[in-house]
Protein backbone atom coordinates (compact mmCIF):
# COMPACT_ATOMS: atom_id res chain seq x y z
CA MET A 1 0.00 0.00 0.00
CA GLU A 2 1.57 3.26 -1.13
CA ASP A 3 0.20 5.43 1.67
CA CYS A 4 0.73 2.99 4.58
CA ILE A 5 3.37 4.26 7.01
CA PHE A 6 4.18 0.74 8.22
CA CYS A 7 4.70 -0.47 4.64
CA LYS A 8 7.12 2.44 4.17
CA ILE A 9 8.95 1.49 7.37
CA ALA A 10 9.08 -2.18 6.30
CA SER A 11 10.54 -1.23 2.91
CA GLY A 12 13.13 1.08 4.46
CA ALA A 13 11.65 4.22 2.88
CA ILE A 14 11.09 5.60 6.39
CA PRO A 15 13.82 4.89 8.96
CA SER A 16 13.05 3.17 12.24
CA SER A 17 14.87 2.07 15.34
CA LYS A 18 15.01 -1.63 14.48
CA VAL A 19 14.92 -4.12 17.32
CA TYR A 20 14.41 -7.32 15.31
CA GLU A 21 14.03 -8.32 11.67
CA ASP A 22 13.63 -11.50 9.68
CA ALA A 23 12.21 -12.37 6.25
CA GLU A 24 8.58 -12.04 7.43
CA VAL A 25 8.51 -9.30 10.08
CA LEU A 26 10.11 -6.16 11.43
CA ALA A 27 10.12 -4.92 15.04
CA PHE A 28 11.02 -1.36 15.99
CA ASP A 29 10.78 0.98 18.96
CA ASP A 30 7.50 2.91 19.10
CA ILE A 31 7.99 6.67 18.65
CA HIS A 32 5.27 7.38 21.25
CA PRO A 33 6.00 4.77 23.93
CA MET A 34 3.29 3.86 26.44
CA ALA A 35 5.76 1.98 28.68
CA PRO A 36 9.55 2.03 29.20
CA ILE A 37 9.73 -0.74 26.59
CA HIS A 38 7.31 -0.35 23.71
CA VAL A 39 8.14 -2.17 20.50
CA VAL A 40 5.90 -2.52 17.45
CA VAL A 41 6.01 -5.79 15.49
CA ILE A 42 4.70 -5.66 11.91
CA PRO A 43 4.50 -8.12 9.05
CA LYS A 44 6.46 -6.90 6.04
CA ARG A 45 3.49 -7.75 3.84
CA HIS A 46 0.45 -5.50 4.18
CA ILE A 47 -2.44 -7.01 6.12
CA PRO A 48 -4.89 -4.25 7.15
CA THR A 49 -6.38 -5.69 10.37
CA LEU A 50 -6.61 -8.84 12.43
CA MET A 51 -9.96 -9.45 10.73
CA ASP A 52 -8.13 -9.72 7.37
CA VAL A 53 -5.88 -12.59 8.52
CA THR A 54 -6.47 -15.88 6.69
CA THR A 55 -5.15 -19.41 7.14
CA GLY A 56 -2.57 -18.52 4.48
CA ASP A 57 -1.06 -16.04 6.93
CA ALA A 58 -0.07 -18.70 9.49
CA LYS A 59 3.66 -18.37 8.77
CA THR A 60 3.49 -14.60 9.21
CA LEU A 61 1.60 -14.87 12.51
CA VAL A 62 4.08 -17.37 13.90
CA ALA A 63 6.90 -15.02 12.84
CA MET A 64 5.20 -12.12 14.65
CA PHE A 65 4.96 -14.08 17.90
CA LYS A 66 8.53 -15.36 17.57
CA ALA A 67 9.61 -11.74 17.07
CA ALA A 68 7.74 -10.76 20.25
CA GLN A 69 9.66 -13.46 22.13
CA GLU A 70 12.98 -12.20 20.74
CA VAL A 71 12.08 -8.59 21.56
CA ALA A 72 11.25 -9.60 25.15
CA ARG A 73 14.58 -11.41 25.46
CA SER A 74 16.65 -8.63 23.90
CA LYS A 75 14.94 -5.91 25.96
CA GLY A 76 15.37 -7.90 29.19
CA VAL A 77 11.69 -8.44 30.07
CA ALA A 78 11.22 -12.10 29.11
CA GLU A 79 11.56 -13.33 32.69
CA LYS A 80 9.84 -10.49 34.60
CA GLY A 81 6.94 -10.20 32.19
CA PHE A 82 5.53 -8.14 29.35
CA ARG A 83 2.28 -7.57 27.48
CA VAL A 84 1.45 -8.19 23.82
CA VAL A 85 -1.48 -6.22 22.39
CA ILE A 86 -3.17 -6.27 18.98
CA ASN A 87 -5.75 -3.53 18.43
CA CYS A 88 -8.35 -4.14 15.74
CA ASN A 89 -10.31 -1.45 13.93
CA LYS A 90 -11.17 2.05 15.11
CA ASP A 91 -13.16 1.21 18.25
CA GLY A 92 -10.47 -1.28 19.24
CA GLY A 93 -7.85 1.45 19.19
CA GLN A 94 -6.18 0.65 15.87
CA VAL A 95 -4.64 3.84 14.45
CA VAL A 96 -2.47 2.45 11.63
CA PHE A 97 -4.37 0.01 9.44
CA HIS A 98 -1.53 -2.44 8.93
CA LEU A 99 -1.64 -5.42 11.30
CA HIS A 100 0.76 -4.90 14.19
CA MET A 101 1.35 -5.92 17.76
CA HIS A 102 2.68 -3.90 20.64
CA VAL A 103 5.21 -5.45 23.02
CA LEU A 104 5.08 -3.49 26.29
CA GLY A 105 7.16 -3.89 29.43
CA GLY A 106 9.89 -2.50 31.61
CA LYS A 107 7.59 -1.80 34.58
CA LYS A 108 4.71 -3.46 36.38
CA LEU A 109 1.78 -2.96 34.03
CA LYS A 110 -1.65 -2.16 35.41
CA ASP A 111 -4.36 -4.81 35.38
CA GLY A 112 -7.09 -4.40 32.81
CA LEU A 113 -7.07 -2.91 29.35
CA ALA A 114 -9.88 -0.38 29.41
């Protein structure tokens, strides 16, 4: 998608602070962190929302979760704990319509999501 900021980051057209990368996904520090550690994990291929995921995307989803594990290890929160969040559509808090997950940690996170 030409106007998708995450597609531009994945292609290298917009720089990011890379934390992890493989053939399927890219993880980078969020520019507006909500926790001391806030990393965004995106598939390199454009998938608009969680509702657009199909069985053909299984490899990409596994890569996203493996990236979240690696991010947690590299950022030092794998043992203490962290949160993984996927927002879906406007009312779910999705701002960029390119599937992504947030890896949050670095402090004790509050219970609840709303």
